[in-house]
């Protein structure tokens, strides 16, 4: 895994003698992504500059140095990631007459491009990757990204110069880059805790969508990414041509696919291990790793002294059963609080998934022993593991029959009364209600219900369930992106919810979090569940093999039960979080108060201070828990302080 950057200065604003210096200063901002080696390559005649930072994983020799030229000198490439099936592709290319100088997957990519063409070659790659490829003969640059979006790639134009990089900080190092905050993207961030693709926090700078290649010959002023693979097509194909076998055959096929995906991701020339939370996903990955390895797999877990946030004891039990070499670290509040100042630099743009903190800490722990760590991410998206996947359907069945106009009126009536007032009303009513309807926070419950009452389809239901700030507090921003724009015509309510998570939350939150946290400490994270063969297989499964008896991931559980006793696995699902709610009233209070100061917010001119102040005061009083809303604002404010 590495960091890549570069530009095509087609107007030749930068002199030839300055091209290496400029791309080097861009590349140097990515040292954390590649501490082992660095390189630049220049095509002075064209104004092309490529930069690379290397974290050596496969072929540790100088033969893996980048930027790299193809054997016929037609292509120059910078590449971040791994092509897991490179050995298979190498054998195929050798039979076609190709000769190789080293043993890296980068060289295999170049030969593949020469043999099959850009799109056809990428379709053969099984991996996580982002690359920039300069075609010296055709004078076209291609930038591409893996199918699921595991590896990041930003791009944009300043004048007639195309810029690209693994992280925004490299673009900011370009001398003529003058970023302007995208207020619409900021509004999206405050709603979802991440900035939805293809936008970035800066106007005119975009995330290349997963499964896409953008090609530019210097003529088109607005080149568009072209997909070579889409979750949408995998979903529609799977539903139109569903799995026809028995449940037993499905278990066996899933196990075989998982075992192969895990085995491919265990190929490395450096020490390798795995994150282990003790949940279904990570336990399955570790079980299949240990089944294919004679030595003990190294596994890593962090624990918290706060019981409601701690899964370490479950992970330890799984590790003992599987016989791994397990390392656990119980972190203190001081450990976790020390990560917060690093977050604005790690993430480069506002990002407020609170599990960013423990993800960084477990990456830091793993890096002490290994250079590569496998994770269980993706299982919830493939096998319907989130509560909202079945909660959304349940809510819709209860309210969908009510005419939309009445639901809109009801939602307006609920939100017209504050949560605190609702609480006081129900304090008087609670004693006469059945026990299963006695809530301590009726106000919060009703206001959450009001978010989904106006829903007209699964997409708008999804938006209501996952959103934080439903009101737009960003000054000068247009309305948030409506999740309903991602409708693809799936007839099943739950399938549509799963699809929404797979194309939004997964690439823009989960994968961003893992990439930045792991690369922030020089660790490569690999995700077997996101092997595209598994994604395609999962979409062909009937929903009854995913959700059963009120629980998701049924089929995945059956695979895991072959390796781990059921009693070690079955327990309520926990998030990977930290006690931000209490910290904001305690050790983080002074820091938060400074960032949320009304005068400060007013002077900055991005956020409306009044609603933020109201939530802050309610949170401090203990009458409400607004940790998610406040953390969104605090992460933007901390980012703004760092970058402006």
Foldseek 3Di string as FASTA:
>chain_A
DWKKKWKFPQVCPDALVCRVVLLVLLRVLQCLLAVLDKDWDDDRVRRIIMIIGHLAWKFPDCLPDDQDAAPVRQKTKYKDWAQLCQVVLVVVLVVVPDDGDTTGSVRSLSSLCVPPNDLVSLVPTFIFMWMWMAGNVLQKIKIAGAAQQLFWKKWFDDVLMIIMISAVSSVVSRPRDDWDADLLQLLQCLWFLFRWAQDARTPGMGIQAHQWMWMDNSPDPDTDTDHSDHLLVLLVVLAVQFDDDDLVVLLVVLLVLLLVLLVSQVDTPWFEAAEFLLALQRLLSLLSVLVVDPAAGEYEEEAEPPVQQGSVVLRVVSCVLSVHNYDYHYDDPVQQVVCVLVVLSLQVGGGFPQLLRVLLVRLLVCVVPTQEYEYRPPLCLLWVFDLCLVVVVVVCVVQVVPDLVVLLVLLVVLVVDAQVVVLVVVVVVQVVDPPVPRDNRVSVVSNLVSQQSNDNALQSNLSSNNTQDCDRFWPPHDHHDRSVVPDSDDPDSSNVSSVSCSRTVVNGHVSSSNVSSNSSNNHHYDYSCVRVVNSSNSSSHDSCCADDPRGGHNSSVVNSCVRDPPVSHDDDDHDNHDPQLVCCLPVCVVVLCVLLPCVVCVVVRTGNNVVLVVVSVCSNVVVDRSRSSSSSSSSNSSSVVVPD
